[in-house]
N, C-alpha and C. Protein backbone atom coordinates (compact mmCIF):
# COMPACT_ATOMS: atom_id res chain seq x y z
N MET A 1 -6.22 31.57 -32.06
CA MET A 1 -6.59 31.04 -30.88
C MET A 1 -7.03 31.32 -29.57
N LYS A 2 -8.06 31.07 -28.95
CA LYS A 2 -8.46 31.71 -28.00
C LYS A 2 -8.10 31.22 -26.13
N ASP A 3 -7.54 32.24 -25.88
CA ASP A 3 -6.93 31.72 -24.69
C ASP A 3 -7.96 31.26 -23.25
N ILE A 4 -7.61 30.02 -22.51
CA ILE A 4 -8.72 29.25 -21.76
C ILE A 4 -8.41 30.10 -20.60
N VAL A 5 -9.34 30.39 -19.63
CA VAL A 5 -9.36 31.15 -18.56
C VAL A 5 -9.86 30.31 -17.15
N ILE A 6 -8.61 29.55 -16.54
CA ILE A 6 -9.71 29.02 -15.24
C ILE A 6 -9.54 29.74 -14.28
N THR A 7 -10.68 30.47 -13.60
CA THR A 7 -11.13 31.34 -12.46
C THR A 7 -10.41 30.67 -11.20
N GLY A 8 -10.06 31.42 -10.45
CA GLY A 8 -9.91 30.86 -9.33
C GLY A 8 -10.67 30.29 -8.46
N ARG A 9 -11.97 30.40 -8.63
CA ARG A 9 -13.61 30.00 -7.96
C ARG A 9 -13.50 28.42 -8.46
N ILE A 10 -13.23 28.28 -9.52
CA ILE A 10 -13.45 26.82 -10.39
C ILE A 10 -11.72 26.09 -9.91
N VAL A 11 -11.02 26.51 -9.65
CA VAL A 11 -10.12 25.50 -9.20
C VAL A 11 -10.04 25.48 -7.79
N LYS A 12 -10.28 26.07 -6.63
CA LYS A 12 -11.25 25.68 -5.37
C LYS A 12 -12.28 24.70 -5.28
N ARG A 13 -13.39 25.18 -6.32
CA ARG A 13 -13.96 23.67 -6.25
C ARG A 13 -13.51 23.01 -6.40
N GLU A 14 -13.01 22.40 -7.53
CA GLU A 14 -12.23 21.20 -8.24
C GLU A 14 -11.58 20.60 -6.84
N LEU A 15 -10.79 21.72 -6.23
CA LEU A 15 -9.85 21.03 -4.96
C LEU A 15 -10.64 20.43 -3.71
N TYR A 16 -12.16 21.02 -3.91
CA TYR A 16 -13.01 21.09 -2.51
C TYR A 16 -13.64 19.27 -2.96
N VAL A 17 -13.61 19.56 -4.32
CA VAL A 17 -14.04 17.74 -4.57
C VAL A 17 -13.06 16.71 -4.30
N LEU A 18 -11.86 17.22 -4.72
CA LEU A 18 -11.10 16.02 -4.81
C LEU A 18 -10.50 15.84 -3.36
N LEU A 19 -10.74 16.99 -2.31
CA LEU A 19 -10.35 16.94 -0.85
C LEU A 19 -11.75 15.43 -0.27
N ALA A 20 -12.88 16.35 -0.98
CA ALA A 20 -13.63 14.82 -0.80
C ALA A 20 -13.93 13.32 -1.05
N CYS A 21 -13.42 13.45 -2.43
CA CYS A 21 -13.06 12.02 -2.78
C CYS A 21 -11.98 11.60 -1.52
N PHE A 22 -10.87 12.28 -1.24
CA PHE A 22 -9.84 11.77 -0.39
C PHE A 22 -10.41 11.05 0.58
N ILE A 23 -11.58 12.10 1.31
CA ILE A 23 -12.26 11.80 2.69
C ILE A 23 -12.93 10.83 3.07
N VAL A 24 -13.58 10.59 1.48
CA VAL A 24 -14.33 9.26 1.53
C VAL A 24 -13.04 7.80 1.23
N GLY A 25 -12.07 8.27 0.47
CA GLY A 25 -11.43 7.15 0.43
C GLY A 25 -10.78 6.74 1.99
N VAL A 26 -10.34 7.93 2.90
CA VAL A 26 -9.86 7.29 4.51
C VAL A 26 -11.14 7.15 5.07
N LEU A 27 -12.41 7.43 4.86
CA LEU A 27 -13.66 6.69 5.54
C LEU A 27 -13.72 5.33 4.90
N THR A 28 -13.27 4.90 3.94
CA THR A 28 -13.85 3.51 3.43
C THR A 28 -12.70 2.61 3.70
N ASN A 29 -11.60 3.16 4.27
CA ASN A 29 -10.52 2.76 4.79
C ASN A 29 -10.66 2.45 5.94
N LEU A 30 -11.15 3.14 6.75
CA LEU A 30 -11.50 3.12 8.28
C LEU A 30 -12.32 2.08 8.30
N GLY A 31 -13.55 2.04 7.55
CA GLY A 31 -14.47 1.13 7.52
C GLY A 31 -14.12 -0.39 7.47
N ALA A 32 -13.28 -0.01 6.27
CA ALA A 32 -12.68 -2.03 6.07
C ALA A 32 -11.75 -2.27 7.14
N ILE A 33 -10.96 -1.50 7.58
CA ILE A 33 -10.54 -1.79 8.68
C ILE A 33 -11.19 -2.30 10.00
N ILE A 34 -12.15 -1.49 10.64
CA ILE A 34 -12.53 -1.93 11.63
C ILE A 34 -13.80 -3.36 10.91
N PHE A 35 -14.01 -3.46 9.81
CA PHE A 35 -14.90 -4.22 9.45
C PHE A 35 -14.08 -5.52 9.48
N TYR A 36 -12.90 -5.70 9.04
CA TYR A 36 -12.21 -7.24 8.63
C TYR A 36 -10.94 -7.35 10.25
N HIS A 37 -11.51 -6.38 11.52
CA HIS A 37 -10.54 -6.26 12.43
C HIS A 37 -8.62 -6.41 12.33
N ARG A 38 -8.53 -5.34 11.62
CA ARG A 38 -6.99 -4.71 11.01
C ARG A 38 -6.63 -4.21 12.49
N PRO A 39 -5.09 -3.97 12.36
CA PRO A 39 -4.90 -3.06 13.51
C PRO A 39 -4.88 -1.53 12.64
N PHE A 40 -5.00 -0.76 13.41
CA PHE A 40 -4.94 0.92 12.87
C PHE A 40 -3.69 1.36 12.21
N THR A 41 -3.00 0.82 12.27
CA THR A 41 -1.91 1.06 12.14
C THR A 41 -1.99 1.20 10.02
N GLU A 42 -2.76 0.06 9.86
CA GLU A 42 -2.97 0.43 8.53
C GLU A 42 -3.47 1.24 8.04
N LEU A 43 -4.03 2.23 8.57
CA LEU A 43 -4.68 3.76 8.12
C LEU A 43 -3.33 3.95 7.66
N PHE A 44 -2.10 4.54 8.25
CA PHE A 44 -1.35 4.98 7.53
C PHE A 44 -0.41 4.16 6.90
N SER A 45 0.03 2.90 6.77
CA SER A 45 0.45 2.48 5.59
C SER A 45 -0.14 1.84 4.84
N GLN A 46 -1.45 2.04 4.33
CA GLN A 46 -2.36 2.06 3.19
C GLN A 46 -2.56 3.29 2.22
N ILE A 47 -1.76 4.16 2.71
CA ILE A 47 -2.54 5.18 2.27
C ILE A 47 -2.02 5.57 0.76
N GLY A 48 -1.27 4.89 0.41
CA GLY A 48 -1.01 5.26 -0.92
C GLY A 48 -2.30 4.66 -1.65
N TYR A 49 -3.10 3.63 -1.34
CA TYR A 49 -4.23 2.76 -1.92
C TYR A 49 -5.35 3.90 -2.14
N VAL A 50 -5.19 4.32 -0.42
CA VAL A 50 -6.55 5.67 -0.34
C VAL A 50 -6.00 6.59 -1.35
N VAL A 51 -4.91 7.26 -1.79
CA VAL A 51 -4.83 8.49 -2.63
C VAL A 51 -4.88 7.65 -4.29
N VAL A 52 -4.96 6.70 -4.72
CA VAL A 52 -5.06 6.01 -5.75
C VAL A 52 -6.41 5.69 -6.05
N PHE A 53 -7.11 5.32 -5.25
CA PHE A 53 -8.91 5.38 -4.86
C PHE A 53 -9.33 6.77 -5.15
N SER A 54 -8.66 7.82 -4.36
CA SER A 54 -9.33 8.76 -4.24
C SER A 54 -9.04 9.65 -5.79
N VAL A 55 -8.07 9.22 -6.15
CA VAL A 55 -8.03 9.78 -8.08
C VAL A 55 -9.02 9.31 -8.89
N ILE A 56 -9.10 7.84 -8.55
CA ILE A 56 -10.23 7.26 -9.60
C ILE A 56 -11.82 7.59 -9.32
N LEU A 57 -12.00 8.01 -8.26
CA LEU A 57 -12.86 8.23 -7.60
C LEU A 57 -13.47 9.58 -8.09
N TYR A 58 -12.10 10.48 -7.98
CA TYR A 58 -12.52 12.20 -8.69
C TYR A 58 -12.96 11.96 -10.11
N PHE A 59 -12.27 11.10 -10.72
CA PHE A 59 -12.12 10.94 -12.24
C PHE A 59 -13.77 10.43 -12.80
N LEU A 60 -14.11 9.07 -12.14
CA LEU A 60 -15.44 8.65 -12.20
C LEU A 60 -16.65 10.04 -12.21
N LEU A 61 -16.23 10.46 -11.07
CA LEU A 61 -17.14 11.67 -10.88
C LEU A 61 -16.94 12.79 -11.88
N TRP A 62 -16.17 13.07 -12.35
CA TRP A 62 -15.67 13.88 -13.38
C TRP A 62 -16.35 13.67 -14.66
N ILE A 63 -16.52 12.20 -14.83
CA ILE A 63 -17.11 11.45 -16.03
C ILE A 63 -18.58 11.81 -15.74
N VAL A 64 -19.18 11.45 -14.54
CA VAL A 64 -20.58 12.11 -14.44
C VAL A 64 -20.88 13.44 -14.62
N ARG A 65 -20.12 14.56 -13.99
CA ARG A 65 -20.76 15.50 -13.85
C ARG A 65 -20.64 15.83 -15.76
N LEU A 66 -19.82 15.30 -16.63
CA LEU A 66 -19.69 15.66 -17.63
C LEU A 66 -20.50 15.65 -18.66
N VAL A 67 -20.95 13.97 -18.18
CA VAL A 67 -22.34 13.36 -19.00
C VAL A 67 -23.38 14.17 -18.72
N ALA A 68 -23.29 14.85 -17.15
CA ALA A 68 -24.99 16.22 -16.88
C ALA A 68 -24.78 16.73 -17.40
N LEU A 69 -23.37 17.92 -17.64
CA LEU A 69 -23.40 18.57 -18.33
C LEU A 69 -23.71 18.39 -20.34
N LEU A 70 -23.56 17.49 -20.51
CA LEU A 70 -23.76 17.05 -21.90
C LEU A 70 -25.01 16.85 -22.16
N ILE A 71 -25.76 16.72 -21.02
CA ILE A 71 -27.58 16.28 -21.16
C ILE A 71 -27.76 17.42 -20.97
N LYS A 72 -27.69 18.32 -20.25
CA LYS A 72 -28.23 19.49 -19.93
C LYS A 72 -28.26 20.53 -20.87
N ARG A 73 -27.04 20.48 -21.58
CA ARG A 73 -26.76 21.06 -23.03
C ARG A 73 -27.64 20.52 -23.99
N ILE A 74 -28.04 19.25 -23.98
CA ILE A 74 -28.53 18.92 -25.35
C ILE A 74 -30.09 19.39 -25.08
N VAL A 75 -31.04 19.05 -24.17
CA VAL A 75 -32.22 19.23 -23.32
C VAL A 75 -32.28 20.97 -23.83
N LYS A 76 -31.62 21.68 -23.47
CA LYS A 76 -31.33 22.91 -24.27
C LYS A 76 -31.65 23.00 -25.57
């Protein structure tokens, strides 16, 4: 069986993608706080929901990237 090697470049890229998903989650939460006129303490008290939203967004993005890779391989 062949060893699978994950390079540092790939790990760094995935961490940046996950960070971007977290930032989108925080900005979405901030937008909801402003839109619904809620106190800004919810920015910190709802961090659990933001983390879950970020992970879900990351996996949805991962599925889209996987489908794009499969389509790219099929076209070749």
